[in-house]
Every structure is written in C-alpha cells, then in structure tokens.
Amino acid sequence: MAPGAFENVLRCGCLYTALCGEAARIDRRASGFMVTVWLYAGVIRFDTGKDTDMCGRYYIEIDEEELKEICDAVERKNEDEPEQIEIKLSGEIFPTDVVPVQTESGYEAMKWGFSGFNSRPIINARSETALIKPTFKESMASRRCLIPASGYYEWQHEGKARIKHRFYLPQKPLFLAGCFRREKDMPTGSFVILTREASEDIRYIHDRMPVIIPKDRAGEWLSENPGVMDASITELEYDIV
C-alpha cells in the first residue's frame, strides 16, 4: 500500500462509521504481524490477533437426526422458490456461507455475515453490547434467530503454531444465538452470531465463545426475551482436530 494510503483508508473508515453507526474491519501486515484495525462509530481499536473473531467457524453433521430434519426442511423450502440458492447443509461452515437458520416463523436459509465496510463481513456481535450498538440493536429487538450446529471450532495460539479445537455436546446439536437483518439486493437474510466471555476452563484456548441457547428456551429467545442469553450453555466437550 502506497505511503499515506492506509491513513486515508482509516480517515474514510472513521467518517463512515461515525455517520452511520456501522462497524468496520481493516487488515494490514506490519513488521511481520497481521494487524487488524476495528472501527466503530469513529473509534479506532488495534488488534494483533489475540482477541479475533469468535465464533469464526462451525460445523454441521447431518447424521444427527435433528439437524438432518432441519436441513431437509430448509432444502424443501428452497426447492419451492422460483430462484433457488446454493445452501451449505453439512461440513465446516465459513463466513458468507448460506446455511439453515431458525427464526420465530420457522426455518430458512441465510447468509452468515452482515455487509460491512471495505467488503469485510461482520460475523459476530458481542452479547454484552449488542442490544445498544447501532449495527445490531434493531435486529436484537425484533429479529433474533438460532443457528443449528453440531459444534464449533477455535484455534489456540502457541508461538507460531495454531492448534484447532472442536467444541460440542455429545449426541446433541448446539443452537447458537444470533440476530439477522434483510439487506438490499440480497436474496436471503444475513445473520451474525452472538459471543460472550468464554468459560474459565476453555479461556486458555480463546477468551470468547458463542452464546448457546438451551433447547428448552429456544422459543423464549426467538419471540420474547433476549435476556435468555444469560442462561447460555458454557460446559462443552472439546478436543484437538
């Protein structure tokens, strides 16, 4: 990047986020490190990688009967649409994938990530502040959702090594808390996954984890009470993959 160009990008990003209340992320390699610059409402925060996006990957195994039923329902609904879209129904899920999501009105396909500044998707929202942040508060008030998953992945950093861990509940799907919105010229809704402080026993791997809603409180989360986040499941099995 030409001298001064990065500074100009920062200035434009600050102005953009200050005016519209959106969040933005810019990545730049400096002195051998990848530096992430977060902009929110005109405020700059630098991140060198320790506290990165979380959850940034999850996975679906359709041999779990409940998840198979959900995926089949979404696929049938897609087949009835005049313009069918490509939906990822199994395997490792990445940001911008279109996947099954549960809303108050049922199951549908949505894209993972709000459109953000500089073409970088916004994939997570901090549960501690999502109800008041301009980017998320409207969605949190009336458009909450659940993202069915078999588990999620996180990477532990040890020196230059990155160790991939899998988090899950034995024989049970996870229902990750999220919120969604409808974006202009998009064939599906877009969602983000809510995160919280990680439980003490897994904090050495990463200091954030997704908000996981207990199945028996799913309806309450979707239609009534965002405070259900406080009942999030935090005790999970995990192993190295």
C-alpha atoms as a PDB file:
ATOM      1  CA  MET A   1       0.000   0.000   0.000  1.00  0.00           C
ATOM      2  CA  ALA A   2       1.395   3.406  -1.001  1.00  0.00           C
ATOM      3  CA  PRO A   3       2.642   5.762   1.747  1.00  0.00           C
ATOM      4  CA  GLY A   4      -0.287   7.613   3.232  1.00  0.00           C
ATOM      5  CA  ALA A   5      -2.875   5.350   1.603  1.00  0.00           C
ATOM      6  CA  PHE A   6      -3.536   3.348   4.779  1.00  0.00           C
ATOM      7  CA  GLU A   7      -4.013   6.558   6.741  1.00  0.00           C
ATOM      8  CA  ASN A   8      -6.534   7.750   4.146  1.00  0.00           C
ATOM      9  CA  VAL A   9      -8.420   4.456   4.450  1.00  0.00           C
ATOM     10  CA  LEU A  10      -8.550   4.948   8.228  1.00  0.00           C
ATOM     11  CA  ARG A  11      -9.870   8.507   7.849  1.00  0.00           C
ATOM     12  CA  CYS A  12     -12.583   7.404   5.426  1.00  0.00           C
ATOM     13  CA  GLY A  13     -13.462   4.468   7.656  1.00  0.00           C
ATOM     14  CA  CYS A  14     -13.758   6.656  10.748  1.00  0.00           C
ATOM     15  CA  LEU A  15     -16.037   9.082   8.910  1.00  0.00           C
ATOM     16  CA  TYR A  16     -18.186   6.235   7.560  1.00  0.00           C
ATOM     17  CA  THR A  17     -18.640   4.537  10.941  1.00  0.00           C
ATOM     18  CA  ALA A  18     -19.225   7.824  12.763  1.00  0.00           C
ATOM     19  CA  LEU A  19     -22.000   8.835  10.348  1.00  0.00           C
ATOM     20  CA  CYS A  20     -23.877   5.545  10.051  1.00  0.00           C
ATOM     21  CA  GLY A  21     -23.009   3.689  13.257  1.00  0.00           C
ATOM     22  CA  GLU A  22     -21.658   0.672  11.359  1.00  0.00           C
ATOM     23  CA  ALA A  23     -18.600  -1.337  12.320  1.00  0.00           C
ATOM     24  CA  ALA A  24     -15.638  -1.944  10.028  1.00  0.00           C
ATOM     25  CA  ARG A  25     -12.537  -4.105   9.937  1.00  0.00           C
ATOM     26  CA  ILE A  26      -9.284  -3.432   8.037  1.00  0.00           C
ATOM     27  CA  ASP A  27      -6.332  -5.835   7.937  1.00  0.00           C
ATOM     28  CA  ARG A  28      -2.743  -4.774   7.330  1.00  0.00           C
ATOM     29  CA  ARG A  29       0.570  -6.592   7.668  1.00  0.00           C
ATOM     30  CA  ALA A  30       3.074  -4.555   9.669  1.00  0.00           C
ATOM     31  CA  SER A  31       6.504  -5.568  10.979  1.00  0.00           C
ATOM     32  CA  GLY A  32       5.803  -9.206  10.248  1.00  0.00           C
ATOM     33  CA  PHE A  33       2.450  -9.241  12.090  1.00  0.00           C
ATOM     34  CA  MET A  34      -1.080  -9.124  10.743  1.00  0.00           C
ATOM     35  CA  VAL A  35      -2.717  -6.155  12.438  1.00  0.00           C
ATOM     36  CA  THR A  36      -6.489  -5.870  12.478  1.00  0.00           C
ATOM     37  CA  VAL A  37      -7.945  -2.395  12.861  1.00  0.00           C
ATOM     38  CA  TRP A  38     -11.505  -2.236  14.149  1.00  0.00           C
ATOM     39  CA  LEU A  39     -13.519   0.939  13.590  1.00  0.00           C
ATOM     40  CA  TYR A  40     -16.766   1.612  15.360  1.00  0.00           C
ATOM     41  CA  ALA A  41     -18.620   4.921  15.426  1.00  0.00           C
ATOM     42  CA  GLY A  42     -15.411   6.740  14.556  1.00  0.00           C
ATOM     43  CA  VAL A  43     -13.338   4.983  17.234  1.00  0.00           C
ATOM     44  CA  ILE A  44     -10.197   3.019  16.275  1.00  0.00           C
ATOM     45  CA  ARG A  45      -9.084  -0.168  18.070  1.00  0.00           C
ATOM     46  CA  PHE A  46      -5.983  -2.102  17.001  1.00  0.00           C
ATOM     47  CA  ASP A  47      -5.908  -5.875  17.317  1.00  0.00           C
ATOM     48  CA  THR A  48      -2.808  -8.024  16.774  1.00  0.00           C
ATOM     49  CA  GLY A  49      -4.668 -11.319  16.744  1.00  0.00           C
ATOM     50  CA  LYS A  50      -5.179 -12.421  20.343  1.00  0.00           C
ATOM     51  CA  ASP A  51      -8.826 -11.366  20.520  1.00  0.00           C
ATOM     52  CA  THR A  52     -10.006 -12.121  16.979  1.00  0.00           C
ATOM     53  CA  ASP A  53     -13.428 -13.009  15.660  1.00  0.00           C
ATOM     54  CA  MET A  54     -15.180 -15.738  17.597  1.00  0.00           C
ATOM     55  CA  CYS A  55     -17.058 -17.784  16.525  1.00  0.00           C
ATOM     56  CA  GLY A  56     -15.374 -17.848  13.087  1.00  0.00           C
ATOM     57  CA  ARG A  57     -16.121 -21.465  12.074  1.00  0.00           C
ATOM     58  CA  TYR A  58     -18.711 -24.056  12.989  1.00  0.00           C
ATOM     59  CA  TYR A  59     -19.795 -27.371  11.504  1.00  0.00           C
ATOM     60  CA  ILE A  60     -22.906 -29.409  10.706  1.00  0.00           C
ATOM     61  CA  GLU A  61     -23.094 -33.203  10.735  1.00  0.00           C
ATOM     62  CA  ILE A  62     -26.365 -34.336   9.199  1.00  0.00           C
ATOM     63  CA  ASP A  63     -26.073 -37.822  10.689  1.00  0.00           C
ATOM     64  CA  GLU A  64     -27.565 -36.138  13.772  1.00  0.00           C
ATOM     65  CA  GLU A  65     -31.300 -36.742  13.255  1.00  0.00           C
ATOM     66  CA  GLU A  66     -32.485 -33.353  14.498  1.00  0.00           C
ATOM     67  CA  LEU A  67     -30.043 -31.459  12.277  1.00  0.00           C
ATOM     68  CA  LYS A  68     -30.976 -33.632   9.288  1.00  0.00           C
ATOM     69  CA  GLU A  69     -34.647 -32.748   9.767  1.00  0.00           C
ATOM     70  CA  ILE A  70     -33.792 -29.038   9.934  1.00  0.00           C
ATOM     71  CA  CYS A  71     -31.619 -29.212   6.814  1.00  0.00           C
ATOM     72  CA  ASP A  72     -34.285 -31.182   4.921  1.00  0.00           C
ATOM     73  CA  ALA A  73     -36.905 -28.562   5.813  1.00  0.00           C
ATOM     74  CA  VAL A  74     -34.699 -25.728   4.547  1.00  0.00           C
ATOM     75  CA  GLU A  75     -33.876 -27.629   1.371  1.00  0.00           C
ATOM     76  CA  ARG A  76     -37.561 -28.311   0.629  1.00  0.00           C
ATOM     77  CA  LYS A  77     -38.384 -24.647   1.134  1.00  0.00           C
ATOM     78  CA  ASN A  78     -35.580 -23.657  -1.236  1.00  0.00           C
ATOM     79  CA  GLU A  79     -36.873 -26.056  -3.907  1.00  0.00           C
ATOM     80  CA  ASP A  80     -40.232 -24.267  -3.826  1.00  0.00           C
ATOM     81  CA  GLU A  81     -38.631 -20.885  -4.538  1.00  0.00           C
ATOM     82  CA  PRO A  82     -38.673 -19.552  -8.136  1.00  0.00           C
ATOM     83  CA  GLU A  83     -34.942 -18.818  -7.885  1.00  0.00           C
ATOM     84  CA  GLN A  84     -33.067 -21.456  -5.910  1.00  0.00           C
ATOM     85  CA  ILE A  85     -29.933 -20.545  -3.986  1.00  0.00           C
ATOM     86  CA  GLU A  86     -26.932 -22.665  -3.023  1.00  0.00           C
ATOM     87  CA  ILE A  87     -27.194 -23.718   0.625  1.00  0.00           C
ATOM     88  CA  LYS A  88     -24.425 -25.396   2.608  1.00  0.00           C
ATOM     89  CA  LEU A  89     -26.065 -28.151   4.638  1.00  0.00           C
ATOM     90  CA  SER A  90     -23.100 -30.042   6.061  1.00  0.00           C
ATOM     91  CA  GLY A  91     -19.386 -29.870   6.802  1.00  0.00           C
ATOM     92  CA  GLU A  92     -17.345 -26.898   8.002  1.00  0.00           C
ATOM     93  CA  ILE A  93     -19.229 -23.613   7.745  1.00  0.00           C
ATOM     94  CA  PHE A  94     -17.393 -20.417   6.794  1.00  0.00           C
ATOM     95  CA  PRO A  95     -18.439 -16.746   6.914  1.00  0.00           C
ATOM     96  CA  THR A  96     -20.611 -15.749   3.902  1.00  0.00           C
ATOM     97  CA  ASP A  97     -21.917 -19.345   3.517  1.00  0.00           C
ATOM     98  CA  VAL A  98     -25.711 -19.631   3.166  1.00  0.00           C
ATOM     99  CA  VAL A  99     -26.933 -22.024   5.862  1.00  0.00           C
ATOM    100  CA  PRO A 100     -30.047 -23.130   7.810  1.00  0.00           C
ATOM    101  CA  VAL A 101     -31.288 -20.667  10.417  1.00  0.00           C
ATOM    102  CA  GLN A 102     -34.295 -20.779  12.737  1.00  0.00           C
ATOM    103  CA  THR A 103     -36.443 -17.671  13.192  1.00  0.00           C
ATOM    104  CA  GLU A 104     -39.705 -17.099  15.026  1.00  0.00           C
ATOM    105  CA  SER A 105     -41.590 -18.068  11.845  1.00  0.00           C
ATOM    106  CA  GLY A 106     -39.647 -21.261  11.088  1.00  0.00           C
ATOM    107  CA  TYR A 107     -36.515 -22.417   9.272  1.00  0.00           C
ATOM    108  CA  GLU A 108     -34.947 -20.617   6.323  1.00  0.00           C
ATOM    109  CA  ALA A 109     -31.615 -20.134   4.579  1.00  0.00           C
ATOM    110  CA  MET A 110     -29.493 -17.098   5.439  1.00  0.00           C
ATOM    111  CA  LYS A 111     -26.015 -15.785   4.718  1.00  0.00           C
ATOM    112  CA  TRP A 112     -23.536 -15.648   7.604  1.00  0.00           C
ATOM    113  CA  GLY A 113     -22.378 -12.052   7.998  1.00  0.00           C
ATOM    114  CA  PHE A 114     -23.768  -8.544   7.740  1.00  0.00           C
ATOM    115  CA  SER A 115     -22.317  -6.490   4.909  1.00  0.00           C
ATOM    116  CA  GLY A 116     -19.613  -4.260   6.360  1.00  0.00           C
ATOM    117  CA  PHE A 117     -17.195  -1.508   5.422  1.00  0.00           C
ATOM    118  CA  ASN A 118     -14.385  -2.356   2.992  1.00  0.00           C
ATOM    119  CA  SER A 119     -16.238  -5.505   1.787  1.00  0.00           C
ATOM    120  CA  ARG A 120     -15.473  -7.383   5.025  1.00  0.00           C
ATOM    121  CA  PRO A 121     -18.484  -9.172   6.555  1.00  0.00           C
ATOM    122  CA  ILE A 122     -19.444  -8.579  10.179  1.00  0.00           C
ATOM    123  CA  ILE A 123     -19.887 -12.121  11.528  1.00  0.00           C
ATOM    124  CA  ASN A 124     -20.105 -11.671  15.318  1.00  0.00           C
ATOM    125  CA  ALA A 125     -21.733  -9.352  17.839  1.00  0.00           C
ATOM    126  CA  ARG A 126     -20.754  -9.096  21.490  1.00  0.00           C
ATOM    127  CA  SER A 127     -23.735 -10.110  23.600  1.00  0.00           C
ATOM    128  CA  GLU A 128     -22.732  -7.603  26.281  1.00  0.00           C
ATOM    129  CA  THR A 129     -23.342  -4.629  23.942  1.00  0.00           C
ATOM    130  CA  ALA A 130     -25.459  -5.919  21.015  1.00  0.00           C
ATOM    131  CA  LEU A 131     -28.705  -4.533  22.466  1.00  0.00           C
ATOM    132  CA  ILE A 132     -27.368  -0.958  22.327  1.00  0.00           C
ATOM    133  CA  LYS A 133     -24.940  -0.918  19.380  1.00  0.00           C
ATOM    134  CA  PRO A 134     -26.474   0.809  16.305  1.00  0.00           C
ATOM    135  CA  THR A 135     -25.374  -2.027  13.996  1.00  0.00           C
ATOM    136  CA  PHE A 136     -27.269  -4.674  15.966  1.00  0.00           C
ATOM    137  CA  LYS A 137     -29.867  -3.144  18.291  1.00  0.00           C
ATOM    138  CA  GLU A 138     -32.788  -3.178  15.832  1.00  0.00           C
ATOM    139  CA  SER A 139     -32.113  -6.794  14.877  1.00  0.00           C
ATOM    140  CA  MET A 140     -31.714  -7.745  18.531  1.00  0.00           C
ATOM    141  CA  ALA A 141     -35.035  -6.124  19.399  1.00  0.00           C
ATOM    142  CA  SER A 142     -37.177  -7.927  16.817  1.00  0.00           C
ATOM    143  CA  ARG A 143     -35.133 -10.270  14.612  1.00  0.00           C
ATOM    144  CA  ARG A 144     -33.392 -12.808  16.835  1.00  0.00           C
ATOM    145  CA  CYS A 145     -32.519 -16.235  15.437  1.00  0.00           C
ATOM    146  CA  LEU A 146     -30.845 -19.554  16.201  1.00  0.00           C
ATOM    147  CA  ILE A 147     -28.111 -21.186  14.126  1.00  0.00           C
ATOM    148  CA  PRO A 148     -28.210 -25.015  14.384  1.00  0.00           C
ATOM    149  CA  ALA A 149     -24.762 -26.613  14.578  1.00  0.00           C
ATOM    150  CA  SER A 150     -23.052 -29.824  15.621  1.00  0.00           C
ATOM    151  CA  GLY A 151     -20.254 -27.787  17.187  1.00  0.00           C
ATOM    152  CA  TYR A 152     -17.788 -25.006  16.519  1.00  0.00           C
ATOM    153  CA  TYR A 153     -14.038 -24.601  16.047  1.00  0.00           C
ATOM    154  CA  GLU A 154     -11.490 -22.361  17.684  1.00  0.00           C
ATOM    155  CA  TRP A 155      -7.734 -22.069  17.351  1.00  0.00           C
ATOM    156  CA  GLN A 156      -5.253 -21.916  20.203  1.00  0.00           C
ATOM    157  CA  HIS A 157      -2.091 -19.918  19.509  1.00  0.00           C
ATOM    158  CA  GLU A 158       1.186 -21.332  20.823  1.00  0.00           C
ATOM    159  CA  GLY A 159       4.057 -19.356  19.375  1.00  0.00           C
ATOM    160  CA  LYS A 160       3.723 -19.662  15.613  1.00  0.00           C
ATOM    161  CA  ALA A 161       1.541 -22.773  15.890  1.00  0.00           C
ATOM    162  CA  ARG A 162      -2.258 -22.681  15.595  1.00  0.00           C
ATOM    163  CA  ILE A 163      -3.973 -25.656  17.232  1.00  0.00           C
ATOM    164  CA  LYS A 164      -7.513 -26.358  16.050  1.00  0.00           C
ATOM    165  CA  HIS A 165     -10.025 -27.355  18.729  1.00  0.00           C
ATOM    166  CA  ARG A 166     -13.558 -28.684  18.303  1.00  0.00           C
ATOM    167  CA  PHE A 167     -16.278 -27.815  20.847  1.00  0.00           C
ATOM    168  CA  TYR A 168     -19.521 -29.786  21.054  1.00  0.00           C
ATOM    169  CA  LEU A 169     -22.162 -31.514  23.173  1.00  0.00           C
ATOM    170  CA  PRO A 170     -22.165 -35.325  22.851  1.00  0.00           C
ATOM    171  CA  GLN A 171     -25.135 -36.546  20.786  1.00  0.00           C
ATOM    172  CA  LYS A 172     -26.760 -33.118  20.845  1.00  0.00           C
ATOM    173  CA  PRO A 173     -26.845 -30.199  18.424  1.00  0.00           C
ATOM    174  CA  LEU A 174     -25.951 -26.689  19.539  1.00  0.00           C
ATOM    175  CA  PHE A 175     -28.248 -23.743  18.932  1.00  0.00           C
ATOM    176  CA  LEU A 176     -26.102 -20.634  18.576  1.00  0.00           C
ATOM    177  CA  ALA A 177     -27.765 -17.322  19.331  1.00  0.00           C
ATOM    178  CA  GLY A 178     -27.849 -14.760  16.551  1.00  0.00           C
ATOM    179  CA  CYS A 179     -29.745 -11.853  15.068  1.00  0.00           C
ATOM    180  CA  PHE A 180     -30.474 -11.063  11.437  1.00  0.00           C
ATOM    181  CA  ARG A 181     -31.493  -8.349   9.017  1.00  0.00           C
ATOM    182  CA  ARG A 182     -32.679  -8.015   5.426  1.00  0.00           C
ATOM    183  CA  GLU A 183     -30.161  -6.247   3.210  1.00  0.00           C
ATOM    184  CA  LYS A 184     -30.810  -4.511  -0.088  1.00  0.00           C
ATOM    185  CA  ASP A 185     -30.443  -6.657  -3.227  1.00  0.00           C
ATOM    186  CA  MET A 186     -29.716  -9.805  -1.186  1.00  0.00           C
ATOM    187  CA  PRO A 187     -31.758 -12.966  -1.932  1.00  0.00           C
ATOM    188  CA  THR A 188     -31.611 -14.088   1.707  1.00  0.00           C
ATOM    189  CA  GLY A 189     -31.398 -12.557   5.146  1.00  0.00           C
ATOM    190  CA  SER A 190     -27.990 -12.056   6.787  1.00  0.00           C
ATOM    191  CA  PHE A 191     -27.127 -13.035  10.358  1.00  0.00           C
ATOM    192  CA  VAL A 192     -24.392 -12.620  12.962  1.00  0.00           C
ATOM    193  CA  ILE A 193     -23.514 -14.970  15.816  1.00  0.00           C
ATOM    194  CA  LEU A 194     -23.523 -13.562  19.337  1.00  0.00           C
ATOM    195  CA  THR A 195     -20.491 -14.145  21.543  1.00  0.00           C
ATOM    196  CA  ARG A 196     -19.778 -13.955  25.250  1.00  0.00           C
ATOM    197  CA  GLU A 197     -16.812 -14.313  27.590  1.00  0.00           C
ATOM    198  CA  ALA A 198     -15.533 -17.880  27.469  1.00  0.00           C
ATOM    199  CA  SER A 199     -15.933 -20.148  30.473  1.00  0.00           C
ATOM    200  CA  GLU A 200     -12.887 -20.345  32.692  1.00  0.00           C
ATOM    201  CA  ASP A 201     -11.859 -23.881  31.696  1.00  0.00           C
ATOM    202  CA  ILE A 202     -11.512 -23.035  27.980  1.00  0.00           C
ATOM    203  CA  ARG A 203     -10.264 -19.463  28.252  1.00  0.00           C
ATOM    204  CA  TYR A 204      -6.686 -20.605  27.658  1.00  0.00           C
ATOM    205  CA  ILE A 205      -7.776 -21.510  24.107  1.00  0.00           C
ATOM    206  CA  HIS A 206      -9.768 -18.339  23.406  1.00  0.00           C
ATOM    207  CA  ASP A 207     -11.330 -15.682  25.591  1.00  0.00           C
ATOM    208  CA  ARG A 208     -14.644 -15.626  23.667  1.00  0.00           C
ATOM    209  CA  MET A 209     -17.233 -18.287  22.844  1.00  0.00           C
ATOM    210  CA  PRO A 210     -20.621 -18.280  21.106  1.00  0.00           C
ATOM    211  CA  VAL A 211     -23.812 -17.761  23.081  1.00  0.00           C
ATOM    212  CA  ILE A 212     -25.520 -21.182  23.096  1.00  0.00           C
ATOM    213  CA  ILE A 213     -29.240 -21.169  23.902  1.00  0.00           C
ATOM    214  CA  PRO A 214     -30.683 -24.196  25.777  1.00  0.00           C
ATOM    215  CA  LYS A 215     -33.162 -26.013  23.545  1.00  0.00           C
ATOM    216  CA  ASP A 216     -35.990 -25.712  26.073  1.00  0.00           C
ATOM    217  CA  ARG A 217     -35.663 -21.910  25.951  1.00  0.00           C
ATOM    218  CA  ALA A 218     -35.408 -21.545  22.182  1.00  0.00           C
ATOM    219  CA  GLY A 219     -38.961 -20.206  21.777  1.00  0.00           C
ATOM    220  CA  GLU A 220     -38.430 -17.669  24.532  1.00  0.00           C
ATOM    221  CA  TRP A 221     -35.237 -16.423  22.844  1.00  0.00           C
ATOM    222  CA  LEU A 222     -36.847 -16.138  19.420  1.00  0.00           C
ATOM    223  CA  SER A 223     -40.023 -14.339  20.400  1.00  0.00           C
ATOM    224  CA  GLU A 224     -39.929 -12.916  23.890  1.00  0.00           C
ATOM    225  CA  ASN A 225     -36.805 -12.369  25.900  1.00  0.00           C
ATOM    226  CA  PRO A 226     -33.258 -11.506  24.793  1.00  0.00           C
ATOM    227  CA  GLY A 227     -32.243 -11.921  28.424  1.00  0.00           C
ATOM    228  CA  VAL A 228     -32.188 -15.689  27.786  1.00  0.00           C
ATOM    229  CA  MET A 229     -28.560 -15.050  26.778  1.00  0.00           C
ATOM    230  CA  ASP A 230     -27.767 -15.119  30.478  1.00  0.00           C
ATOM    231  CA  ALA A 231     -28.736 -18.812  30.547  1.00  0.00           C
ATOM    232  CA  SER A 232     -26.203 -19.688  27.835  1.00  0.00           C
ATOM    233  CA  ILE A 233     -24.669 -23.179  27.903  1.00  0.00           C
ATOM    234  CA  THR A 234     -20.968 -22.963  28.754  1.00  0.00           C
ATOM    235  CA  GLU A 235     -19.962 -26.529  29.696  1.00  0.00           C
ATOM    236  CA  LEU A 236     -18.867 -28.269  26.495  1.00  0.00           C
ATOM    237  CA  GLU A 237     -16.753 -31.210  25.439  1.00  0.00           C
ATOM    238  CA  TYR A 238     -13.708 -30.329  23.354  1.00  0.00           C
ATOM    239  CA  ASP A 239     -10.771 -31.994  21.637  1.00  0.00           C
ATOM    240  CA  ILE A 240      -7.994 -31.277  19.147  1.00  0.00           C
ATOM    241  CA  VAL A 241      -8.765 -31.994  15.484  1.00  0.00           C
END
